């Protein structure tokens, strides 16, 4: 009987060590993922500060539209191009962060 109890206790201890190792590894993976996502957020945050109003005041859009129209362009075209540029860069940052997460998930 003592042998059976000893075997059960030993098996329980092995199981507990396995669970501890699993959760320690899982916590490290999550910390790494959080760090990568934080880096992506910090890149996006730096973009939000790239063109401060003190250095780049808002233009008179009515005048800008007139000048562009005289050159055969529209403010809408220029605005759309600028927004596509910003969104493309944000897409690159987020896709890279999510790709790294997806690659990590496939390793689990």
N, C-alpha and C. Protein backbone atom coordinates (compact mmCIF):
# COMPACT_ATOMS: atom_id res chain seq x y z
N UNK A 1 0.83 -1.19 0.00
CA UNK A 1 0.00 0.00 0.00
C UNK A 1 0.87 1.26 0.00
N UNK A 2 1.93 1.26 0.81
CA UNK A 2 2.82 2.43 0.86
C UNK A 2 3.46 2.68 -0.51
N UNK A 3 3.76 1.62 -1.24
CA UNK A 3 4.36 1.74 -2.57
C UNK A 3 3.37 2.44 -3.51
N UNK A 4 2.12 2.05 -3.46
CA UNK A 4 1.09 2.65 -4.33
C UNK A 4 0.93 4.13 -4.00
N UNK A 5 0.86 4.45 -2.71
CA UNK A 5 0.72 5.84 -2.28
C UNK A 5 1.95 6.64 -2.74
N UNK A 6 3.13 6.07 -2.59
CA UNK A 6 4.37 6.73 -3.03
C UNK A 6 4.36 6.98 -4.53
N UNK A 7 3.90 5.99 -5.30
CA UNK A 7 3.82 6.14 -6.75
C UNK A 7 2.82 7.24 -7.14
N UNK A 8 1.71 7.29 -6.45
CA UNK A 8 0.70 8.31 -6.72
C UNK A 8 1.26 9.70 -6.40
N UNK A 9 1.92 9.83 -5.27
CA UNK A 9 2.53 11.11 -4.89
C UNK A 9 3.57 11.53 -5.92
N UNK A 10 4.43 10.60 -6.33
CA UNK A 10 5.46 10.90 -7.33
C UNK A 10 4.84 11.30 -8.66
N UNK A 11 3.82 10.58 -9.10
CA UNK A 11 3.13 10.92 -10.35
C UNK A 11 2.50 12.31 -10.24
N UNK A 12 1.92 12.62 -9.11
CA UNK A 12 1.32 13.94 -8.90
C UNK A 12 2.38 15.03 -8.97
N UNK A 13 3.53 14.80 -8.38
CA UNK A 13 4.62 15.78 -8.41
C UNK A 13 5.12 16.00 -9.84
N UNK A 14 5.22 14.94 -10.61
CA UNK A 14 5.65 15.06 -12.01
C UNK A 14 4.63 15.88 -12.79
N UNK A 15 3.37 15.58 -12.57
CA UNK A 15 2.30 16.31 -13.26
C UNK A 15 2.35 17.80 -12.91
N UNK A 16 2.52 18.10 -11.64
CA UNK A 16 2.58 19.50 -11.19
C UNK A 16 3.77 20.21 -11.83
N UNK A 17 4.94 19.56 -11.89
CA UNK A 17 6.11 20.18 -12.52
C UNK A 17 5.86 20.44 -14.00
N UNK A 18 5.20 19.50 -14.66
CA UNK A 18 4.89 19.69 -16.08
C UNK A 18 3.97 20.89 -16.27
N UNK A 19 2.95 20.99 -15.44
CA UNK A 19 2.01 22.11 -15.53
C UNK A 19 2.72 23.43 -15.25
N UNK A 20 3.59 23.44 -14.24
CA UNK A 20 4.34 24.66 -13.93
C UNK A 20 5.18 25.09 -15.12
N UNK A 21 5.87 24.14 -15.74
CA UNK A 21 6.71 24.48 -16.90
C UNK A 21 5.86 24.98 -18.06
N UNK A 22 4.73 24.34 -18.29
CA UNK A 22 3.84 24.77 -19.36
C UNK A 22 3.42 26.22 -19.14
N UNK A 23 2.97 26.54 -17.93
CA UNK A 23 2.46 27.89 -17.67
C UNK A 23 3.59 28.92 -17.65
N UNK A 24 4.76 28.53 -17.18
CA UNK A 24 5.90 29.45 -17.23
C UNK A 24 6.23 29.79 -18.69
N UNK A 25 6.25 28.79 -19.55
CA UNK A 25 6.51 29.02 -20.97
C UNK A 25 5.41 29.86 -21.60
N UNK A 26 4.17 29.58 -21.25
CA UNK A 26 3.04 30.33 -21.80
C UNK A 26 3.13 31.80 -21.39
N UNK A 27 3.48 32.05 -20.14
CA UNK A 27 3.62 33.43 -19.66
C UNK A 27 4.73 34.15 -20.42
N UNK A 28 5.84 33.48 -20.66
CA UNK A 28 6.94 34.10 -21.42
C UNK A 28 6.52 34.40 -22.85
N UNK A 29 5.77 33.50 -23.47
CA UNK A 29 5.26 33.75 -24.82
C UNK A 29 4.36 34.97 -24.85
N UNK A 30 3.47 35.07 -23.87
CA UNK A 30 2.55 36.20 -23.81
C UNK A 30 3.29 37.51 -23.56
N UNK A 31 4.32 37.46 -22.71
CA UNK A 31 5.13 38.66 -22.48
C UNK A 31 5.80 39.11 -23.77
N UNK A 32 6.32 38.16 -24.52
CA UNK A 32 6.97 38.47 -25.79
C UNK A 32 5.96 39.07 -26.77
N UNK A 33 4.79 38.47 -26.84
CA UNK A 33 3.74 38.98 -27.74
C UNK A 33 3.33 40.39 -27.35
N UNK A 34 3.16 40.62 -26.07
CA UNK A 34 2.78 41.96 -25.60
C UNK A 34 3.87 42.97 -25.97
N UNK A 35 5.12 42.59 -25.82
CA UNK A 35 6.22 43.49 -26.16
C UNK A 35 6.20 43.85 -27.65
N UNK A 36 5.97 42.87 -28.52
CA UNK A 36 5.92 43.13 -29.96
C UNK A 36 4.74 44.03 -30.32
N UNK A 37 3.59 43.79 -29.71
CA UNK A 37 2.43 44.63 -29.97
C UNK A 37 2.64 46.03 -29.42
N UNK A 38 3.31 46.12 -28.29
CA UNK A 38 3.63 47.43 -27.71
C UNK A 38 4.56 48.21 -28.64
N UNK A 39 5.55 47.53 -29.22
CA UNK A 39 6.45 48.18 -30.17
C UNK A 39 5.67 48.74 -31.36
N UNK A 40 4.70 47.97 -31.84
CA UNK A 40 3.87 48.45 -32.95
C UNK A 40 3.07 49.68 -32.52
N UNK A 41 2.51 49.65 -31.33
CA UNK A 41 1.76 50.80 -30.85
C UNK A 41 2.66 52.02 -30.68
N UNK A 42 3.89 51.80 -30.23
CA UNK A 42 4.83 52.92 -30.07
C UNK A 42 5.19 53.52 -31.43
N UNK A 43 5.31 52.69 -32.47
CA UNK A 43 5.56 53.22 -33.82
C UNK A 43 4.38 54.07 -34.27
N UNK A 44 3.18 53.56 -34.05
CA UNK A 44 1.99 54.33 -34.43
C UNK A 44 1.92 55.62 -33.63
N UNK A 45 2.23 55.55 -32.34
CA UNK A 45 2.22 56.74 -31.49
C UNK A 45 3.21 57.78 -32.00
N UNK A 46 4.38 57.33 -32.43
CA UNK A 46 5.36 58.29 -32.94
C UNK A 46 4.85 58.96 -34.22
N UNK A 47 4.11 58.22 -35.02
CA UNK A 47 3.51 58.81 -36.23
C UNK A 47 2.53 59.92 -35.86
N UNK A 48 1.80 59.74 -34.76
CA UNK A 48 0.81 60.74 -34.37
C UNK A 48 1.45 62.06 -33.97
N UNK A 49 2.75 62.01 -33.69
CA UNK A 49 3.47 63.22 -33.25
C UNK A 49 4.39 63.78 -34.33
N UNK A 50 4.30 63.23 -35.52
CA UNK A 50 5.26 63.57 -36.58
C UNK A 50 5.09 64.98 -37.13
N UNK A 51 3.90 65.50 -37.15
CA UNK A 51 3.65 66.81 -37.77
C UNK A 51 2.91 67.73 -36.80
N UNK A 52 3.61 68.24 -35.79
CA UNK A 52 2.93 69.08 -34.80
C UNK A 52 2.44 70.39 -35.42
N UNK A 53 1.31 70.86 -34.95
CA UNK A 53 0.71 72.09 -35.48
C UNK A 53 1.63 73.30 -35.29
N UNK A 54 2.47 73.27 -34.27
CA UNK A 54 3.39 74.39 -34.05
C UNK A 54 4.36 74.54 -35.22
N UNK A 55 4.74 73.43 -35.82
CA UNK A 55 5.68 73.46 -36.94
C UNK A 55 4.97 73.46 -38.29
N UNK A 56 3.82 72.84 -38.34
CA UNK A 56 3.07 72.70 -39.58
C UNK A 56 1.62 73.14 -39.35
N UNK A 57 1.38 74.45 -39.30
CA UNK A 57 0.01 74.93 -39.05
C UNK A 57 -0.94 74.52 -40.17
N UNK A 58 -2.20 74.44 -39.84
CA UNK A 58 -3.21 74.09 -40.82
C UNK A 58 -3.26 75.17 -41.91
N UNK A 59 -3.28 74.75 -43.15
CA UNK A 59 -3.33 75.74 -44.24
C UNK A 59 -4.76 76.26 -44.44
N UNK A 60 -4.84 77.28 -45.23
CA UNK A 60 -6.14 77.80 -45.65
C UNK A 60 -6.58 76.88 -46.80
N UNK A 61 -7.44 75.94 -46.50
CA UNK A 61 -7.81 74.92 -47.49
C UNK A 61 -8.54 75.51 -48.70
N UNK A 62 -9.22 76.62 -48.51
CA UNK A 62 -9.88 77.25 -49.65
C UNK A 62 -8.82 77.74 -50.65
N UNK A 63 -7.76 78.36 -50.15
CA UNK A 63 -6.68 78.82 -51.03
C UNK A 63 -5.96 77.64 -51.67
N UNK A 64 -5.72 76.62 -50.86
CA UNK A 64 -5.04 75.43 -51.39
C UNK A 64 -5.87 74.83 -52.52
N UNK A 65 -7.16 74.73 -52.33
CA UNK A 65 -8.04 74.17 -53.37
C UNK A 65 -7.98 75.01 -54.64
N UNK A 66 -7.92 76.32 -54.49
CA UNK A 66 -7.84 77.21 -55.66
C UNK A 66 -6.53 77.00 -56.43
N UNK A 67 -5.43 76.94 -55.69
CA UNK A 67 -4.12 76.74 -56.32
C UNK A 67 -4.07 75.39 -57.02
N UNK A 68 -4.55 74.36 -56.36
CA UNK A 68 -4.56 73.02 -56.97
C UNK A 68 -5.45 72.99 -58.20
N UNK A 69 -6.60 73.63 -58.10
CA UNK A 69 -7.53 73.64 -59.24
C UNK A 69 -6.87 74.31 -60.45
N UNK A 70 -6.13 75.39 -60.19
CA UNK A 70 -5.43 76.10 -61.28
C UNK A 70 -4.38 75.20 -61.93
N UNK A 71 -3.87 74.24 -61.18
CA UNK A 71 -2.86 73.31 -61.71
C UNK A 71 -3.49 72.03 -62.25
N UNK A 72 -4.83 71.99 -62.28
CA UNK A 72 -5.51 70.81 -62.82
C UNK A 72 -5.63 69.67 -61.81
N UNK A 73 -5.50 69.98 -60.55
CA UNK A 73 -5.63 68.96 -59.49
C UNK A 73 -6.77 69.35 -58.56
N UNK A 74 -7.16 68.41 -57.70
CA UNK A 74 -8.18 68.74 -56.71
C UNK A 74 -7.65 68.44 -55.31
N UNK A 75 -8.17 69.18 -54.35
CA UNK A 75 -7.80 68.94 -52.96
C UNK A 75 -8.18 67.52 -52.54
N UNK A 76 -9.29 67.03 -53.06
CA UNK A 76 -9.71 65.66 -52.74
C UNK A 76 -8.68 64.64 -53.19
N UNK A 77 -8.12 64.82 -54.38
CA UNK A 77 -7.09 63.89 -54.88
C UNK A 77 -5.85 63.88 -53.99
N UNK A 78 -5.40 65.08 -53.63
CA UNK A 78 -4.21 65.20 -52.78
C UNK A 78 -4.49 64.63 -51.39
N UNK A 79 -5.65 64.96 -50.84
CA UNK A 79 -6.02 64.44 -49.51
C UNK A 79 -6.11 62.92 -49.52
N UNK A 80 -6.73 62.37 -50.54
CA UNK A 80 -6.86 60.91 -50.64
C UNK A 80 -5.49 60.26 -50.75
N UNK A 81 -4.59 60.86 -51.53
CA UNK A 81 -3.24 60.30 -51.68
C UNK A 81 -2.50 60.31 -50.34
N UNK A 82 -2.61 61.43 -49.61
CA UNK A 82 -1.96 61.51 -48.31
C UNK A 82 -2.52 60.47 -47.34
N UNK A 83 -3.83 60.32 -47.32
CA UNK A 83 -4.44 59.34 -46.42
C UNK A 83 -4.06 57.91 -46.79
N UNK A 84 -3.99 57.63 -48.09
CA UNK A 84 -3.55 56.28 -48.50
C UNK A 84 -2.14 56.01 -47.99
N UNK A 85 -1.28 57.02 -48.08
CA UNK A 85 0.10 56.85 -47.60
C UNK A 85 0.11 56.53 -46.11
N UNK A 86 -0.63 57.29 -45.33
CA UNK A 86 -0.68 57.07 -43.88
C UNK A 86 -1.25 55.69 -43.57
N UNK A 87 -2.36 55.36 -44.18
CA UNK A 87 -3.02 54.07 -43.91
C UNK A 87 -2.12 52.91 -44.34
N UNK A 88 -1.42 53.06 -45.45
CA UNK A 88 -0.51 52.00 -45.90
C UNK A 88 0.58 51.76 -44.88
N UNK A 89 1.16 52.82 -44.34
CA UNK A 89 2.21 52.67 -43.33
C UNK A 89 1.65 52.04 -42.05
N UNK A 90 0.47 52.47 -41.63
CA UNK A 90 -0.15 51.86 -40.45
C UNK A 90 -0.45 50.39 -40.71
N UNK A 91 -0.91 50.08 -41.91
CA UNK A 91 -1.18 48.69 -42.28
C UNK A 91 0.10 47.86 -42.18
N UNK A 92 1.21 48.41 -42.66
CA UNK A 92 2.49 47.69 -42.60
C UNK A 92 2.88 47.39 -41.15
N UNK A 93 2.74 48.39 -40.29
CA UNK A 93 3.09 48.21 -38.87
C UNK A 93 2.20 47.14 -38.23
N UNK A 94 0.89 47.24 -38.44
CA UNK A 94 -0.02 46.28 -37.80
C UNK A 94 0.12 44.89 -38.40
N UNK A 95 0.27 44.80 -39.71
CA UNK A 95 0.43 43.48 -40.33
C UNK A 95 1.68 42.78 -39.82
N UNK A 96 2.78 43.53 -39.67
CA UNK A 96 4.02 42.93 -39.18
C UNK A 96 3.84 42.41 -37.76
N UNK A 97 3.20 43.22 -36.91
CA UNK A 97 2.98 42.80 -35.52
C UNK A 97 2.07 41.57 -35.47
N UNK A 98 1.01 41.56 -36.26
CA UNK A 98 0.09 40.43 -36.26
C UNK A 98 0.71 39.20 -36.91
N UNK A 99 1.54 39.39 -37.91
CA UNK A 99 2.23 38.27 -38.57
C UNK A 99 3.13 37.56 -37.57
N UNK A 100 3.88 38.34 -36.77
CA UNK A 100 4.74 37.74 -35.77
C UNK A 100 3.93 36.97 -34.75
N UNK A 101 2.76 37.50 -34.38
CA UNK A 101 1.88 36.79 -33.44
C UNK A 101 1.38 35.50 -34.06
N UNK A 102 0.93 35.56 -35.32
CA UNK A 102 0.41 34.37 -36.00
C UNK A 102 1.50 33.32 -36.15
N UNK A 103 2.73 33.74 -36.46
CA UNK A 103 3.84 32.79 -36.58
C UNK A 103 4.10 32.11 -35.24
N UNK A 104 4.01 32.88 -34.15
CA UNK A 104 4.21 32.32 -32.81
C UNK A 104 3.09 31.33 -32.49
N UNK A 105 1.86 31.68 -32.87
CA UNK A 105 0.72 30.80 -32.60
C UNK A 105 0.87 29.47 -33.31
N UNK A 106 1.42 29.46 -34.53
CA UNK A 106 1.57 28.21 -35.26
C UNK A 106 2.66 27.32 -34.65
N UNK A 107 3.57 27.94 -33.89
CA UNK A 107 4.61 27.14 -33.23
C UNK A 107 4.09 26.47 -31.97
N UNK A 108 2.99 26.99 -31.42
CA UNK A 108 2.44 26.42 -30.17
C UNK A 108 1.77 25.08 -30.40
